[in-house]
Amino acid sequence: MEFITKYKWKLVGISIGAVAGYAYWYFIGCTSGTCPIQSNWHTSTLYGGLIGYIFPNSPKKEKTENKEDKIEQDK
């Protein structure tokens, strides 16, 4: 249970990405079989899960200070 609470946002991202990948294959997919990601449901689902893992865990921008505050600190 501790694992789930620790990594809940990562698991949510993977789940949403996997569902979106499967939905993309189901509704849009590639019928000719020449598309490496879109032609099979399992590759599309895994790729969606990977994107779902990466997206919420991308680096966050640090908050920038006001220019006025920075000028006052430099004085």
N, C-alpha and C. Protein backbone atom coordinates (compact mmCIF):
# COMPACT_ATOMS: atom_id res chain seq x y z
N MET A 1 0.82 -1.19 0.00
CA MET A 1 0.00 0.00 0.00
C MET A 1 0.86 1.25 0.00
N GLU A 2 2.02 1.16 0.66
CA GLU A 2 2.93 2.30 0.71
C GLU A 2 3.44 2.64 -0.69
N PHE A 3 3.66 1.59 -1.49
CA PHE A 3 4.13 1.80 -2.87
C PHE A 3 3.13 2.62 -3.67
N ILE A 4 1.86 2.29 -3.52
CA ILE A 4 0.80 2.99 -4.27
C ILE A 4 0.71 4.45 -3.85
N THR A 5 0.80 4.71 -2.56
CA THR A 5 0.70 6.10 -2.12
C THR A 5 1.94 6.90 -2.52
N LYS A 6 3.09 6.24 -2.56
CA LYS A 6 4.33 6.93 -2.92
C LYS A 6 4.37 7.28 -4.40
N TYR A 7 3.90 6.38 -5.23
CA TYR A 7 3.99 6.56 -6.68
C TYR A 7 2.63 6.74 -7.36
N LYS A 8 1.66 7.30 -6.64
CA LYS A 8 0.30 7.38 -7.19
C LYS A 8 0.22 8.23 -8.45
N TRP A 9 0.93 9.35 -8.53
CA TRP A 9 0.84 10.20 -9.72
C TRP A 9 1.52 9.56 -10.92
N LYS A 10 2.57 8.82 -10.68
CA LYS A 10 3.22 8.10 -11.77
C LYS A 10 2.31 7.00 -12.29
N LEU A 11 1.66 6.28 -11.38
CA LEU A 11 0.74 5.22 -11.78
C LEU A 11 -0.47 5.78 -12.51
N VAL A 12 -0.97 6.91 -12.07
CA VAL A 12 -2.10 7.56 -12.75
C VAL A 12 -1.68 7.98 -14.15
N GLY A 13 -0.49 8.54 -14.29
CA GLY A 13 0.00 8.96 -15.60
C GLY A 13 0.16 7.78 -16.55
N ILE A 14 0.73 6.67 -16.04
CA ILE A 14 0.89 5.47 -16.87
C ILE A 14 -0.47 4.92 -17.28
N SER A 15 -1.43 4.89 -16.36
CA SER A 15 -2.76 4.36 -16.66
C SER A 15 -3.47 5.20 -17.71
N ILE A 16 -3.45 6.51 -17.54
CA ILE A 16 -4.11 7.39 -18.50
C ILE A 16 -3.44 7.29 -19.86
N GLY A 17 -2.10 7.24 -19.88
CA GLY A 17 -1.37 7.10 -21.13
C GLY A 17 -1.67 5.79 -21.83
N ALA A 18 -1.75 4.71 -21.07
CA ALA A 18 -2.04 3.40 -21.67
C ALA A 18 -3.45 3.37 -22.25
N VAL A 19 -4.41 3.92 -21.54
CA VAL A 19 -5.79 3.97 -22.06
C VAL A 19 -5.85 4.85 -23.30
N ALA A 20 -5.14 5.97 -23.29
CA ALA A 20 -5.12 6.85 -24.46
C ALA A 20 -4.44 6.17 -25.64
N GLY A 21 -3.36 5.43 -25.39
CA GLY A 21 -2.68 4.69 -26.46
C GLY A 21 -3.57 3.63 -27.07
N TYR A 22 -4.30 2.91 -26.23
CA TYR A 22 -5.23 1.90 -26.74
C TYR A 22 -6.36 2.54 -27.53
N ALA A 23 -6.89 3.64 -27.01
CA ALA A 23 -7.97 4.34 -27.71
C ALA A 23 -7.48 4.87 -29.06
N TYR A 24 -6.26 5.34 -29.10
CA TYR A 24 -5.69 5.82 -30.37
C TYR A 24 -5.60 4.68 -31.37
N TRP A 25 -5.15 3.51 -30.93
CA TRP A 25 -5.08 2.35 -31.83
C TRP A 25 -6.48 1.94 -32.29
N TYR A 26 -7.42 1.93 -31.37
CA TYR A 26 -8.78 1.46 -31.68
C TYR A 26 -9.50 2.39 -32.66
N PHE A 27 -9.40 3.68 -32.44
CA PHE A 27 -10.16 4.62 -33.25
C PHE A 27 -9.39 5.13 -34.47
N ILE A 28 -8.09 5.27 -34.40
CA ILE A 28 -7.33 5.87 -35.49
C ILE A 28 -6.43 4.84 -36.16
N GLY A 29 -5.65 4.11 -35.39
CA GLY A 29 -4.74 3.05 -35.82
C GLY A 29 -4.37 2.98 -37.29
N CYS A 30 -3.48 2.10 -37.60
CA CYS A 30 -2.98 1.90 -38.96
C CYS A 30 -3.44 0.53 -39.44
N THR A 31 -4.26 0.48 -40.44
CA THR A 31 -4.82 -0.79 -40.90
C THR A 31 -3.89 -1.56 -41.83
N SER A 32 -2.93 -0.88 -42.44
CA SER A 32 -2.05 -1.58 -43.39
C SER A 32 -0.99 -2.42 -42.67
N GLY A 33 -0.69 -2.12 -41.41
CA GLY A 33 0.30 -2.87 -40.66
C GLY A 33 1.72 -2.37 -40.86
N THR A 34 1.91 -1.28 -41.57
CA THR A 34 3.25 -0.77 -41.82
C THR A 34 3.68 0.26 -40.79
N CYS A 35 2.79 0.71 -39.96
CA CYS A 35 3.12 1.69 -38.93
C CYS A 35 3.59 0.94 -37.68
N PRO A 36 4.82 1.15 -37.23
CA PRO A 36 5.33 0.34 -36.14
C PRO A 36 4.62 0.53 -34.80
N ILE A 37 4.14 1.71 -34.51
CA ILE A 37 3.49 1.94 -33.22
C ILE A 37 1.98 1.76 -33.33
N GLN A 38 1.39 2.21 -34.39
CA GLN A 38 -0.06 2.24 -34.50
C GLN A 38 -0.68 0.93 -34.99
N SER A 39 0.11 0.02 -35.53
CA SER A 39 -0.49 -1.17 -36.14
C SER A 39 -0.91 -2.22 -35.12
N ASN A 40 -0.27 -2.29 -33.97
CA ASN A 40 -0.60 -3.29 -32.94
C ASN A 40 -1.09 -2.60 -31.68
N TRP A 41 -2.09 -3.18 -31.05
CA TRP A 41 -2.65 -2.56 -29.86
C TRP A 41 -1.65 -2.56 -28.71
N HIS A 42 -0.82 -3.61 -28.62
CA HIS A 42 0.09 -3.67 -27.47
C HIS A 42 1.22 -2.65 -27.58
N THR A 43 1.72 -2.38 -28.78
CA THR A 43 2.77 -1.37 -28.90
C THR A 43 2.21 0.03 -28.68
N SER A 44 1.02 0.26 -29.18
CA SER A 44 0.38 1.56 -28.99
C SER A 44 0.07 1.81 -27.51
N THR A 45 -0.38 0.78 -26.82
CA THR A 45 -0.68 0.90 -25.40
C THR A 45 0.58 1.11 -24.57
N LEU A 46 1.64 0.38 -24.87
CA LEU A 46 2.91 0.55 -24.16
C LEU A 46 3.51 1.92 -24.41
N TYR A 47 3.45 2.37 -25.65
CA TYR A 47 3.98 3.69 -25.98
C TYR A 47 3.18 4.78 -25.25
N GLY A 48 1.87 4.63 -25.22
CA GLY A 48 1.03 5.59 -24.48
C GLY A 48 1.35 5.59 -23.00
N GLY A 49 1.59 4.41 -22.42
CA GLY A 49 1.97 4.33 -21.02
C GLY A 49 3.31 4.99 -20.75
N LEU A 50 4.25 4.84 -21.68
CA LEU A 50 5.55 5.49 -21.54
C LEU A 50 5.41 7.01 -21.58
N ILE A 51 4.63 7.50 -22.52
CA ILE A 51 4.40 8.94 -22.60
C ILE A 51 3.66 9.42 -21.35
N GLY A 52 2.72 8.63 -20.87
CA GLY A 52 2.01 8.97 -19.64
C GLY A 52 2.91 9.00 -18.43
N TYR A 53 3.98 8.22 -18.43
CA TYR A 53 4.95 8.24 -17.34
C TYR A 53 5.86 9.46 -17.44
N ILE A 54 6.28 9.78 -18.65
CA ILE A 54 7.23 10.88 -18.85
C ILE A 54 6.57 12.24 -18.65
N PHE A 55 5.38 12.42 -19.16
CA PHE A 55 4.74 13.73 -19.13
C PHE A 55 4.56 14.31 -17.73
N PRO A 56 3.97 13.61 -16.78
CA PRO A 56 3.82 14.23 -15.46
C PRO A 56 5.13 14.32 -14.68
N ASN A 57 6.15 13.61 -15.09
CA ASN A 57 7.42 13.62 -14.38
C ASN A 57 8.47 14.48 -15.07
N SER A 58 8.03 15.32 -15.99
CA SER A 58 8.98 16.18 -16.67
C SER A 58 9.51 17.23 -15.70
N PRO A 59 10.71 17.75 -15.96
CA PRO A 59 11.28 18.73 -15.03
C PRO A 59 10.40 19.98 -14.92
N LYS A 60 10.32 20.48 -13.72
CA LYS A 60 9.50 21.66 -13.47
C LYS A 60 10.37 22.90 -13.53
N LYS A 61 9.79 23.97 -14.02
CA LYS A 61 10.50 25.23 -14.04
C LYS A 61 10.51 25.82 -12.64
N GLU A 62 11.63 26.39 -12.28
CA GLU A 62 11.71 27.04 -10.98
C GLU A 62 11.02 28.40 -11.06
N LYS A 63 10.45 28.79 -9.96
CA LYS A 63 9.80 30.10 -9.93
C LYS A 63 10.87 31.18 -10.01
N THR A 64 10.61 32.14 -10.86
CA THR A 64 11.57 33.23 -10.98
C THR A 64 11.20 34.34 -10.01
N GLU A 65 12.20 34.98 -9.52
CA GLU A 65 11.96 36.08 -8.59
C GLU A 65 11.61 37.33 -9.38
N ASN A 66 10.94 38.22 -8.72
CA ASN A 66 10.65 39.51 -9.35
C ASN A 66 11.96 40.24 -9.61
N LYS A 67 12.02 40.97 -10.68
CA LYS A 67 13.23 41.72 -11.00
C LYS A 67 13.53 42.75 -9.93
N GLU A 68 12.49 43.35 -9.37
CA GLU A 68 12.68 44.36 -8.33
C GLU A 68 13.33 43.74 -7.09
N ASP A 69 12.88 42.55 -6.69
CA ASP A 69 13.46 41.88 -5.54
C ASP A 69 14.92 41.53 -5.77
N LYS A 70 15.23 41.12 -6.97
CA LYS A 70 16.60 40.75 -7.30
C LYS A 70 17.51 41.96 -7.29
N ILE A 71 17.02 43.10 -7.79
CA ILE A 71 17.81 44.33 -7.81
C ILE A 71 18.09 44.78 -6.38
N GLU A 72 17.08 44.67 -5.50
CA GLU A 72 17.27 45.08 -4.11
C GLU A 72 18.29 44.19 -3.41
N GLN A 73 18.31 42.90 -3.75
CA GLN A 73 19.24 41.98 -3.13
C GLN A 73 20.67 42.26 -3.60
N ASP A 74 20.81 42.70 -4.83
CA ASP A 74 22.15 42.99 -5.38
C ASP A 74 22.76 44.25 -4.75
N LYS A 75 21.95 45.16 -4.25
CA LYS A 75 22.46 46.42 -3.68
C LYS A 75 23.16 46.22 -2.38
